[in-house]
Amino acid sequence: MLRKFLLSIAVMVATSGFAFAQVDVNKADQAALDGVKGIGPKMSKAILDERKKGGDFKDWADLEGRVKGVGEKNAVKLSDAGLTVNGQARQKAGGDNGAKNGKPAAKEGRKDAKKDEAKK
């Protein structure tokens, strides 16, 4: 009885790892893509069609630019769900790129310049 219980726990632990398996967008078939949370049949077909038309995706920016519905925010969510591009996870939005308040530094600088200009 104890042996069966331990075996069932071991099976549950082993199979739970499959739920978080990494799926590479350049190697996956439609079923594997559909298994990623956030990707449905329509998006997986769009990914496969674009991959067939334009070749493998070079990086996340390439995927975001070529597949409708995969923007920066969605790409981060898909990456968190296990999707990779060439084995690489998507970096979080608003990383250490000089951003201030979640906005790119260049845009923030222009806003500050406009505020200074308005004060004069």
N, C-alpha and C. Protein backbone atom coordinates (compact mmCIF):
# COMPACT_ATOMS: atom_id res chain seq x y z
N MET A 1 0.82 -1.19 0.00
CA MET A 1 0.00 0.00 0.00
C MET A 1 0.86 1.26 0.00
N LEU A 2 1.85 1.27 0.87
CA LEU A 2 2.76 2.41 0.96
C LEU A 2 3.54 2.57 -0.35
N ARG A 3 3.92 1.45 -0.93
CA ARG A 3 4.67 1.49 -2.19
C ARG A 3 3.84 2.13 -3.30
N LYS A 4 2.56 1.78 -3.39
CA LYS A 4 1.67 2.36 -4.41
C LYS A 4 1.50 3.85 -4.19
N PHE A 5 1.37 4.24 -2.93
CA PHE A 5 1.22 5.65 -2.60
C PHE A 5 2.47 6.44 -3.02
N LEU A 6 3.63 5.92 -2.68
CA LEU A 6 4.88 6.59 -3.05
C LEU A 6 5.07 6.63 -4.57
N LEU A 7 4.67 5.57 -5.23
CA LEU A 7 4.77 5.54 -6.68
C LEU A 7 3.85 6.57 -7.32
N SER A 8 2.64 6.71 -6.78
CA SER A 8 1.71 7.69 -7.35
C SER A 8 2.22 9.11 -7.11
N ILE A 9 2.82 9.37 -5.97
CA ILE A 9 3.40 10.70 -5.72
C ILE A 9 4.56 10.96 -6.67
N ALA A 10 5.40 9.96 -6.89
CA ALA A 10 6.53 10.11 -7.81
C ALA A 10 6.05 10.40 -9.23
N VAL A 11 5.00 9.73 -9.66
CA VAL A 11 4.44 9.97 -10.99
C VAL A 11 3.88 11.38 -11.10
N MET A 12 3.19 11.84 -10.06
CA MET A 12 2.63 13.19 -10.08
C MET A 12 3.73 14.23 -10.17
N VAL A 13 4.79 14.05 -9.40
CA VAL A 13 5.91 15.00 -9.42
C VAL A 13 6.58 14.99 -10.80
N ALA A 14 6.78 13.81 -11.36
CA ALA A 14 7.44 13.70 -12.66
C ALA A 14 6.61 14.33 -13.77
N THR A 15 5.31 14.14 -13.74
CA THR A 15 4.46 14.69 -14.80
C THR A 15 4.21 16.17 -14.62
N SER A 16 4.31 16.69 -13.41
CA SER A 16 4.10 18.12 -13.23
C SER A 16 5.21 18.93 -13.90
N GLY A 17 6.38 18.35 -14.06
CA GLY A 17 7.47 19.03 -14.76
C GLY A 17 7.17 19.24 -16.22
N PHE A 18 6.35 18.39 -16.82
CA PHE A 18 6.00 18.54 -18.23
C PHE A 18 5.13 19.76 -18.47
N ALA A 19 4.38 20.17 -17.48
CA ALA A 19 3.49 21.31 -17.64
C ALA A 19 4.28 22.60 -17.86
N PHE A 20 5.52 22.64 -17.39
CA PHE A 20 6.33 23.84 -17.50
C PHE A 20 7.49 23.65 -18.48
N ALA A 21 7.37 22.67 -19.36
CA ALA A 21 8.43 22.41 -20.32
C ALA A 21 8.58 23.58 -21.28
N GLN A 22 9.80 23.82 -21.67
CA GLN A 22 10.09 24.90 -22.61
C GLN A 22 9.70 24.46 -24.02
N VAL A 23 9.09 25.36 -24.77
CA VAL A 23 8.68 25.09 -26.14
C VAL A 23 9.36 26.13 -27.02
N ASP A 24 10.27 25.67 -27.89
CA ASP A 24 10.97 26.59 -28.78
C ASP A 24 10.10 26.86 -30.01
N VAL A 25 9.86 28.14 -30.27
CA VAL A 25 8.97 28.56 -31.35
C VAL A 25 9.47 28.10 -32.72
N ASN A 26 10.78 27.88 -32.85
CA ASN A 26 11.34 27.47 -34.14
C ASN A 26 11.32 25.96 -34.36
N LYS A 27 11.03 25.19 -33.31
CA LYS A 27 11.04 23.74 -33.43
C LYS A 27 9.68 23.10 -33.19
N ALA A 28 8.78 23.84 -32.58
CA ALA A 28 7.50 23.27 -32.14
C ALA A 28 6.52 23.09 -33.30
N ASP A 29 5.70 22.04 -33.17
CA ASP A 29 4.59 21.87 -34.11
C ASP A 29 3.36 22.55 -33.52
N GLN A 30 2.24 22.47 -34.22
CA GLN A 30 1.04 23.18 -33.78
C GLN A 30 0.56 22.68 -32.42
N ALA A 31 0.62 21.39 -32.19
CA ALA A 31 0.15 20.84 -30.91
C ALA A 31 1.00 21.37 -29.75
N ALA A 32 2.31 21.44 -29.94
CA ALA A 32 3.18 21.95 -28.88
C ALA A 32 2.92 23.43 -28.62
N LEU A 33 2.74 24.20 -29.68
CA LEU A 33 2.45 25.63 -29.50
C LEU A 33 1.11 25.83 -28.81
N ASP A 34 0.11 25.03 -29.19
CA ASP A 34 -1.21 25.13 -28.54
C ASP A 34 -1.14 24.79 -27.06
N GLY A 35 -0.13 24.03 -26.66
CA GLY A 35 0.03 23.65 -25.26
C GLY A 35 0.56 24.78 -24.39
N VAL A 36 1.05 25.85 -25.00
CA VAL A 36 1.56 26.99 -24.24
C VAL A 36 0.39 27.87 -23.86
N LYS A 37 0.28 28.19 -22.57
CA LYS A 37 -0.82 29.04 -22.11
C LYS A 37 -0.73 30.39 -22.81
N GLY A 38 -1.84 30.80 -23.42
CA GLY A 38 -1.88 32.08 -24.13
C GLY A 38 -1.81 31.93 -25.64
N ILE A 39 -1.49 30.73 -26.11
CA ILE A 39 -1.46 30.48 -27.56
C ILE A 39 -2.61 29.56 -27.90
N GLY A 40 -3.47 30.03 -28.78
CA GLY A 40 -4.58 29.21 -29.24
C GLY A 40 -4.32 28.78 -30.67
N PRO A 41 -5.28 28.09 -31.28
CA PRO A 41 -5.11 27.60 -32.64
C PRO A 41 -4.82 28.70 -33.66
N LYS A 42 -5.46 29.84 -33.50
CA LYS A 42 -5.26 30.93 -34.46
C LYS A 42 -3.82 31.47 -34.39
N MET A 43 -3.32 31.70 -33.18
CA MET A 43 -1.97 32.23 -33.06
C MET A 43 -0.92 31.19 -33.45
N SER A 44 -1.15 29.93 -33.08
CA SER A 44 -0.17 28.90 -33.44
C SER A 44 -0.10 28.75 -34.96
N LYS A 45 -1.24 28.87 -35.64
CA LYS A 45 -1.24 28.81 -37.11
C LYS A 45 -0.49 30.01 -37.69
N ALA A 46 -0.70 31.18 -37.10
CA ALA A 46 0.00 32.38 -37.58
C ALA A 46 1.51 32.24 -37.39
N ILE A 47 1.92 31.67 -36.26
CA ILE A 47 3.35 31.47 -36.00
C ILE A 47 3.93 30.50 -37.02
N LEU A 48 3.25 29.38 -37.24
CA LEU A 48 3.74 28.38 -38.19
C LEU A 48 3.77 28.92 -39.62
N ASP A 49 2.73 29.66 -40.00
CA ASP A 49 2.69 30.23 -41.35
C ASP A 49 3.83 31.22 -41.56
N GLU A 50 4.07 32.06 -40.57
CA GLU A 50 5.14 33.05 -40.68
C GLU A 50 6.52 32.39 -40.66
N ARG A 51 6.66 31.35 -39.88
CA ARG A 51 7.92 30.61 -39.83
C ARG A 51 8.20 29.94 -41.17
N LYS A 52 7.14 29.42 -41.80
CA LYS A 52 7.28 28.77 -43.11
C LYS A 52 7.63 29.81 -44.18
N LYS A 53 7.00 30.98 -44.09
CA LYS A 53 7.19 32.04 -45.08
C LYS A 53 8.55 32.73 -44.95
N GLY A 54 8.91 33.08 -43.72
CA GLY A 54 10.11 33.89 -43.52
C GLY A 54 11.27 33.19 -42.85
N GLY A 55 11.14 31.90 -42.59
CA GLY A 55 12.22 31.18 -41.93
C GLY A 55 12.12 31.29 -40.42
N ASP A 56 13.10 30.70 -39.76
CA ASP A 56 13.11 30.71 -38.30
C ASP A 56 13.17 32.13 -37.76
N PHE A 57 12.63 32.29 -36.55
CA PHE A 57 12.67 33.58 -35.88
C PHE A 57 14.06 33.75 -35.27
N LYS A 58 14.65 34.92 -35.48
CA LYS A 58 16.01 35.17 -34.99
C LYS A 58 16.02 35.41 -33.49
N ASP A 59 15.04 36.17 -33.01
CA ASP A 59 14.96 36.53 -31.60
C ASP A 59 13.54 36.96 -31.29
N TRP A 60 13.32 37.40 -30.07
CA TRP A 60 11.98 37.80 -29.66
C TRP A 60 11.47 39.00 -30.45
N ALA A 61 12.35 39.94 -30.75
CA ALA A 61 11.94 41.11 -31.52
C ALA A 61 11.45 40.69 -32.90
N ASP A 62 12.11 39.72 -33.50
CA ASP A 62 11.71 39.20 -34.81
C ASP A 62 10.32 38.56 -34.71
N LEU A 63 10.09 37.77 -33.67
CA LEU A 63 8.78 37.14 -33.48
C LEU A 63 7.69 38.19 -33.29
N GLU A 64 7.97 39.19 -32.45
CA GLU A 64 7.00 40.25 -32.19
C GLU A 64 6.68 41.05 -33.44
N GLY A 65 7.66 41.27 -34.28
CA GLY A 65 7.45 42.05 -35.49
C GLY A 65 6.74 41.31 -36.60
N ARG A 66 6.88 39.99 -36.62
CA ARG A 66 6.32 39.21 -37.73
C ARG A 66 4.97 38.57 -37.44
N VAL A 67 4.63 38.35 -36.17
CA VAL A 67 3.39 37.65 -35.84
C VAL A 67 2.42 38.62 -35.17
N LYS A 68 1.29 38.82 -35.84
CA LYS A 68 0.25 39.70 -35.29
C LYS A 68 -0.28 39.10 -33.99
N GLY A 69 -0.42 39.94 -32.99
CA GLY A 69 -0.92 39.49 -31.70
C GLY A 69 0.17 39.20 -30.69
N VAL A 70 1.42 39.21 -31.14
CA VAL A 70 2.54 39.00 -30.23
C VAL A 70 3.26 40.33 -30.08
N GLY A 71 2.84 41.08 -29.08
CA GLY A 71 3.50 42.34 -28.76
C GLY A 71 4.40 42.15 -27.56
N GLU A 72 4.95 43.24 -27.06
CA GLU A 72 5.90 43.16 -25.95
C GLU A 72 5.29 42.51 -24.71
N LYS A 73 4.10 42.98 -24.31
CA LYS A 73 3.47 42.44 -23.10
C LYS A 73 3.10 40.98 -23.27
N ASN A 74 2.51 40.65 -24.41
CA ASN A 74 2.11 39.27 -24.66
C ASN A 74 3.33 38.36 -24.76
N ALA A 75 4.41 38.86 -25.33
CA ALA A 75 5.62 38.06 -25.45
C ALA A 75 6.16 37.69 -24.07
N VAL A 76 6.12 38.62 -23.14
CA VAL A 76 6.58 38.34 -21.77
C VAL A 76 5.70 37.27 -21.14
N LYS A 77 4.40 37.36 -21.34
CA LYS A 77 3.48 36.35 -20.78
C LYS A 77 3.73 34.98 -21.40
N LEU A 78 3.93 34.95 -22.72
CA LEU A 78 4.19 33.68 -23.40
C LEU A 78 5.51 33.08 -22.93
N SER A 79 6.51 33.92 -22.74
CA SER A 79 7.79 33.45 -22.25
C SER A 79 7.65 32.88 -20.84
N ASP A 80 6.89 33.55 -19.99
CA ASP A 80 6.65 33.05 -18.64
C ASP A 80 5.93 31.71 -18.67
N ALA A 81 5.13 31.49 -19.71
CA ALA A 81 4.38 30.23 -19.84
C ALA A 81 5.24 29.12 -20.45
N GLY A 82 6.47 29.44 -20.87
CA GLY A 82 7.37 28.40 -21.37
C GLY A 82 7.81 28.53 -22.81
N LEU A 83 7.37 29.55 -23.52
CA LEU A 83 7.77 29.72 -24.91
C LEU A 83 9.17 30.33 -24.98
N THR A 84 10.00 29.82 -25.88
CA THR A 84 11.33 30.37 -26.08
C THR A 84 11.57 30.63 -27.56
N VAL A 85 12.54 31.47 -27.86
CA VAL A 85 12.99 31.69 -29.24
C VAL A 85 14.47 31.35 -29.25
N ASN A 86 14.83 30.32 -30.00
CA ASN A 86 16.21 29.81 -30.02
C ASN A 86 16.71 29.49 -28.62
N GLY A 87 15.82 28.94 -27.79
CA GLY A 87 16.17 28.54 -26.44
C GLY A 87 16.25 29.68 -25.44
N GLN A 88 15.94 30.90 -25.86
CA GLN A 88 16.05 32.06 -24.98
C GLN A 88 14.67 32.53 -24.52
N ALA A 89 14.54 32.77 -23.23
CA ALA A 89 13.31 33.35 -22.69
C ALA A 89 13.31 34.84 -22.99
N ARG A 90 12.15 35.44 -23.00
CA ARG A 90 12.00 36.88 -23.26
C ARG A 90 12.36 37.64 -22.00
N GLN A 91 13.15 38.67 -22.15
CA GLN A 91 13.48 39.53 -21.01
C GLN A 91 12.24 40.30 -20.60
N LYS A 92 12.12 40.57 -19.34
CA LYS A 92 10.97 41.30 -18.83
C LYS A 92 10.92 42.70 -19.42
N ALA A 93 9.73 43.22 -19.60
CA ALA A 93 9.55 44.58 -20.09
C ALA A 93 10.05 45.55 -19.03
N GLY A 94 10.62 46.67 -19.49
CA GLY A 94 11.09 47.69 -18.55
C GLY A 94 12.30 47.24 -17.76
N GLY A 95 13.17 46.45 -18.40
CA GLY A 95 14.39 46.00 -17.75
C GLY A 95 15.31 47.16 -17.49
N ASP A 96 16.53 46.89 -17.14
CA ASP A 96 17.49 47.94 -16.79
C ASP A 96 18.03 48.59 -18.05
N ASN A 97 17.20 49.39 -18.71
CA ASN A 97 17.60 50.05 -19.95
C ASN A 97 17.50 51.57 -19.82
N GLY A 98 17.65 52.06 -18.62
CA GLY A 98 17.55 53.50 -18.41
C GLY A 98 16.12 53.98 -18.32
N ALA A 99 15.19 53.08 -18.15
CA ALA A 99 13.78 53.46 -18.10
C ALA A 99 13.46 54.14 -16.78
N LYS A 100 12.52 55.03 -16.85
CA LYS A 100 12.07 55.75 -15.67
C LYS A 100 10.55 55.66 -15.66
N ASN A 101 9.99 55.16 -14.59
CA ASN A 101 8.54 54.98 -14.48
C ASN A 101 7.99 54.07 -15.56
N GLY A 102 8.79 53.07 -15.99
CA GLY A 102 8.32 52.12 -17.00
C GLY A 102 8.32 52.67 -18.41
N LYS A 103 8.87 53.88 -18.61
CA LYS A 103 8.90 54.47 -19.95
C LYS A 103 10.34 54.58 -20.40
N PRO A 104 10.60 54.44 -21.69
CA PRO A 104 11.98 54.56 -22.17
C PRO A 104 12.57 55.92 -21.81
N ALA A 105 13.87 55.91 -21.56
CA ALA A 105 14.55 57.13 -21.12
C ALA A 105 14.42 58.26 -22.14
N ALA A 106 14.49 57.95 -23.41
CA ALA A 106 14.43 59.00 -24.44
C ALA A 106 13.09 59.73 -24.39
N LYS A 107 12.00 58.99 -24.25
CA LYS A 107 10.68 59.62 -24.19
C LYS A 107 10.56 60.45 -22.92
N GLU A 108 11.07 59.91 -21.83
CA GLU A 108 10.99 60.62 -20.55
C GLU A 108 11.77 61.93 -20.65
N GLY A 109 12.94 61.88 -21.29
CA GLY A 109 13.75 63.08 -21.45
C GLY A 109 13.03 64.14 -22.26
N ARG A 110 12.32 63.75 -23.30
CA ARG A 110 11.58 64.70 -24.12
C ARG A 110 10.46 65.35 -23.33
N LYS A 111 9.80 64.57 -22.48
CA LYS A 111 8.73 65.13 -21.65
C LYS A 111 9.30 66.19 -20.71
N ASP A 112 10.44 65.86 -20.09
CA ASP A 112 11.07 66.81 -19.17
C ASP A 112 11.47 68.07 -19.92
N ALA A 113 11.97 67.92 -21.14
CA ALA A 113 12.38 69.08 -21.93
C ALA A 113 11.16 69.95 -22.25
N LYS A 114 10.03 69.31 -22.57
CA LYS A 114 8.81 70.06 -22.87
C LYS A 114 8.32 70.81 -21.64
N LYS A 115 8.42 70.17 -20.46
CA LYS A 115 8.00 70.83 -19.22
C LYS A 115 8.89 72.04 -18.94
N ASP A 116 10.20 71.88 -19.14
CA ASP A 116 11.13 72.99 -18.93
C ASP A 116 10.84 74.11 -19.90
N GLU A 117 10.53 73.78 -21.14
CA GLU A 117 10.24 74.76 -22.18
C GLU A 117 8.97 75.54 -21.82
N ALA A 118 7.98 74.82 -21.26
CA ALA A 118 6.70 75.46 -20.89
C ALA A 118 6.89 76.43 -19.72
N LYS A 119 7.84 76.14 -18.86
CA LYS A 119 8.08 77.00 -17.70
C LYS A 119 8.70 78.34 -18.12
N LYS A 120 9.41 78.37 -19.23
CA LYS A 120 10.12 79.58 -19.66
C LYS A 120 9.22 80.62 -20.19
